[in-house]
N, C-alpha and C. Protein backbone atom coordinates (compact mmCIF):
# COMPACT_ATOMS: atom_id res chain seq x y z
N MET A 1 -6.50 20.51 -25.85
CA MET A 1 -5.10 19.50 -25.62
C MET A 1 -4.58 19.60 -24.57
N ASN A 2 -4.53 20.95 -23.94
CA ASN A 2 -3.74 21.00 -22.78
C ASN A 2 -4.23 20.09 -21.47
N GLY A 3 -5.90 20.64 -21.47
CA GLY A 3 -6.48 19.87 -20.41
C GLY A 3 -6.37 18.28 -20.49
N PHE A 4 -6.16 17.82 -21.70
CA PHE A 4 -6.12 16.21 -22.06
C PHE A 4 -4.62 15.89 -21.53
N LEU A 5 -3.65 16.57 -21.90
CA LEU A 5 -2.39 16.19 -21.28
C LEU A 5 -2.36 16.30 -19.83
N ASN A 6 -2.98 17.25 -19.22
CA ASN A 6 -2.89 17.49 -17.69
C ASN A 6 -3.84 16.23 -17.11
N GLN A 7 -4.86 15.89 -17.83
CA GLN A 7 -5.55 14.61 -17.07
C GLN A 7 -4.66 13.23 -17.39
N MET A 8 -4.04 12.89 -18.34
CA MET A 8 -3.06 11.88 -18.58
C MET A 8 -2.11 11.98 -17.71
N MET A 9 -1.17 13.09 -17.44
CA MET A 9 -0.25 13.21 -16.45
C MET A 9 -0.57 12.74 -14.86
N ARG A 10 -1.85 13.49 -14.63
CA ARG A 10 -2.34 13.31 -13.07
C ARG A 10 -2.79 11.72 -13.05
N ARG A 11 -3.37 10.88 -14.25
CA ARG A 11 -3.54 9.64 -14.10
C ARG A 11 -2.33 8.77 -13.94
N LEU A 12 -1.20 9.26 -14.67
CA LEU A 12 0.17 8.51 -14.56
C LEU A 12 0.60 8.79 -13.19
N ILE A 13 0.61 10.01 -12.70
CA ILE A 13 1.28 10.29 -11.43
C ILE A 13 0.53 9.42 -10.41
N ASN A 14 -0.95 9.07 -10.40
CA ASN A 14 -1.63 8.72 -9.41
C ASN A 14 -1.21 6.98 -9.59
N MET A 15 -0.97 6.65 -10.72
CA MET A 15 -0.76 5.29 -10.83
C MET A 15 0.73 4.86 -10.31
N VAL A 16 1.74 5.80 -10.39
CA VAL A 16 2.93 5.74 -9.88
C VAL A 16 2.91 5.66 -8.33
N THR A 17 2.28 6.77 -7.89
CA THR A 17 1.94 7.13 -6.40
C THR A 17 1.39 5.70 -5.87
N ASN A 18 0.32 5.20 -6.35
CA ASN A 18 -0.26 3.89 -5.76
C ASN A 18 0.62 2.77 -5.84
N ARG A 19 1.26 2.54 -6.85
CA ARG A 19 2.07 1.54 -6.91
C ARG A 19 3.51 1.61 -5.90
N GLY A 20 3.91 2.79 -5.52
CA GLY A 20 4.97 3.06 -4.81
C GLY A 20 4.29 2.92 -3.27
N ILE A 21 3.40 3.38 -3.04
CA ILE A 21 2.80 3.20 -1.67
C ILE A 21 2.43 1.71 -1.31
N ASN A 22 2.04 0.84 -2.17
CA ASN A 22 1.60 -0.49 -2.16
C ASN A 22 3.02 -1.20 -1.87
N LYS A 23 4.18 -0.90 -2.67
CA LYS A 23 5.45 -1.56 -2.41
C LYS A 23 5.78 -1.15 -1.10
N GLY A 24 5.96 -0.02 -0.73
CA GLY A 24 6.31 0.27 0.54
C GLY A 24 5.76 -0.44 1.90
N ILE A 25 4.36 -0.34 1.86
CA ILE A 25 3.52 -1.12 2.68
C ILE A 25 3.97 -2.71 2.58
N ASP A 26 4.10 -3.14 1.48
CA ASP A 26 4.54 -4.56 1.41
C ASP A 26 5.78 -4.77 2.04
N HIS A 27 6.94 -3.86 1.68
CA HIS A 27 8.05 -3.92 2.16
C HIS A 27 8.18 -3.94 3.71
N MET A 28 7.30 -3.06 4.26
CA MET A 28 7.50 -3.00 5.73
C MET A 28 6.57 -4.21 6.25
N ALA A 29 5.61 -4.87 5.69
CA ALA A 29 5.12 -6.01 6.17
C ALA A 29 5.89 -7.37 6.28
N ARG A 30 6.83 -7.27 5.33
CA ARG A 30 7.83 -8.38 5.06
C ARG A 30 9.01 -8.43 5.88
N ARG A 31 9.33 -7.05 6.51
CA ARG A 31 10.57 -6.94 7.18
C ARG A 31 10.51 -7.61 8.38
N GLY A 32 11.48 -8.60 8.60
CA GLY A 32 11.72 -9.42 9.78
C GLY A 32 10.80 -10.79 9.61
N SER A 33 10.68 -11.29 8.62
CA SER A 33 9.64 -12.45 8.65
C SER A 33 10.77 -13.67 8.32
N GLY A 34 11.82 -13.78 8.97
CA GLY A 34 12.68 -14.89 8.80
C GLY A 34 12.60 -16.00 9.69
N GLY A 35 13.05 -17.25 9.77
CA GLY A 35 13.06 -17.99 10.70
C GLY A 35 11.81 -19.02 10.65
N LYS A 36 11.61 -19.79 11.76
CA LYS A 36 10.63 -20.76 11.86
C LYS A 36 9.27 -20.14 12.28
N ALA A 37 8.20 -20.72 11.96
CA ALA A 37 6.91 -20.06 12.45
C ALA A 37 6.48 -20.75 13.70
N THR A 38 6.53 -19.92 14.71
CA THR A 38 5.99 -20.64 16.09
C THR A 38 4.36 -20.01 16.02
N PRO A 39 3.56 -20.46 16.90
CA PRO A 39 2.21 -19.89 16.91
C PRO A 39 2.18 -18.50 17.33
N GLN A 40 3.20 -18.16 18.15
CA GLN A 40 3.09 -16.52 18.33
C GLN A 40 3.38 -15.84 17.20
N SER A 41 4.57 -16.23 16.38
CA SER A 41 4.83 -15.54 15.22
C SER A 41 3.82 -15.61 14.08
N ARG A 42 3.04 -16.79 14.00
CA ARG A 42 2.04 -16.79 12.98
C ARG A 42 0.86 -15.78 13.46
N GLN A 43 0.64 -15.75 14.85
CA GLN A 43 -0.44 -14.83 15.13
C GLN A 43 -0.01 -13.40 15.01
N GLN A 44 1.36 -13.00 15.16
CA GLN A 44 1.87 -11.65 15.01
C GLN A 44 1.94 -11.45 13.44
N ALA A 45 2.21 -12.47 12.68
CA ALA A 45 1.96 -12.22 11.03
C ALA A 45 0.68 -12.18 10.68
N LYS A 46 -0.15 -12.71 11.23
CA LYS A 46 -1.75 -12.58 10.85
C LYS A 46 -2.18 -11.11 11.24
N ALA A 47 -1.77 -10.66 12.44
CA ALA A 47 -1.97 -9.32 12.81
C ALA A 47 -1.39 -8.24 12.00
N ALA A 48 -0.15 -8.59 11.54
CA ALA A 48 0.53 -7.44 10.60
C ALA A 48 -0.17 -7.37 9.20
N ARG A 49 -0.56 -8.93 8.86
CA ARG A 49 -1.24 -8.70 7.56
C ARG A 49 -2.41 -8.01 7.69
N GLU A 50 -3.19 -8.07 8.81
CA GLU A 50 -4.51 -7.22 8.86
C GLU A 50 -4.26 -5.75 8.93
N ALA A 51 -3.03 -5.39 9.63
CA ALA A 51 -2.65 -4.08 9.40
C ALA A 51 -2.38 -3.41 8.16
N VAL A 52 -1.68 -4.28 7.51
CA VAL A 52 -1.48 -3.94 5.99
C VAL A 52 -2.70 -3.63 5.22
N LYS A 53 -3.64 -4.68 5.52
CA LYS A 53 -4.97 -4.40 4.82
C LYS A 53 -5.52 -3.08 5.01
N ARG A 54 -5.64 -2.64 6.42
CA ARG A 54 -6.16 -1.48 7.13
C ARG A 54 -5.60 -0.44 6.17
N ALA A 55 -4.18 -0.44 6.33
CA ALA A 55 -3.18 0.57 5.73
C ALA A 55 -3.52 1.00 4.32
N ARG A 56 -3.72 -0.24 3.53
CA ARG A 56 -4.27 0.00 2.09
C ARG A 56 -5.37 0.57 1.91
N GLN A 57 -6.40 0.15 2.78
CA GLN A 57 -7.65 0.74 2.80
C GLN A 57 -7.79 2.28 2.79
N ALA A 58 -7.12 2.46 4.19
CA ALA A 58 -7.03 4.07 4.51
C ALA A 58 -6.21 4.98 3.33
N ALA A 59 -5.05 4.42 2.79
CA ALA A 59 -4.44 4.74 1.66
C ALA A 59 -5.30 5.09 0.47
N ARG A 60 -6.23 4.31 0.29
CA ARG A 60 -6.90 4.19 -0.89
C ARG A 60 -8.20 5.43 -0.65
N ILE A 61 -8.61 5.47 0.55
CA ILE A 61 -9.64 6.33 0.93
C ILE A 61 -9.02 7.81 0.79
N THR A 62 -7.88 7.78 1.24
CA THR A 62 -7.10 9.19 1.29
C THR A 62 -7.06 9.67 0.07
N ARG A 63 -6.63 8.72 -0.94
CA ARG A 63 -6.36 9.23 -2.33
C ARG A 63 -7.82 9.70 -2.95
N ARG A 64 -8.77 8.80 -2.68
CA ARG A 64 -10.00 9.08 -3.16
C ARG A 64 -10.67 10.55 -2.81
N LEU A 65 -10.36 10.94 -1.75
CA LEU A 65 -10.67 11.98 -0.87
C LEU A 65 -9.86 13.26 -1.50
N GLY A 66 -8.69 13.05 -1.96
CA GLY A 66 -7.90 13.97 -2.41
C GLY A 66 -8.31 14.55 -3.65
N ARG A 67 -9.20 13.80 -4.49
CA ARG A 67 -9.41 14.15 -5.90
C ARG A 67 -10.31 15.32 -6.08
């Protein structure tokens, strides 16, 4: 019974951690995205989205390695 509770708590903690990491990454990606979109700002936004994608992948891999 104790092992089952530990497993459920670990799963809950991982879910909350994953959600928090994704929220933080999204917040940092959206920061400063106001105003009109010029070609340069569009290119910069695309680069930011790609960086966010890579950061999510790195976080996912790191969490998998930590198991």
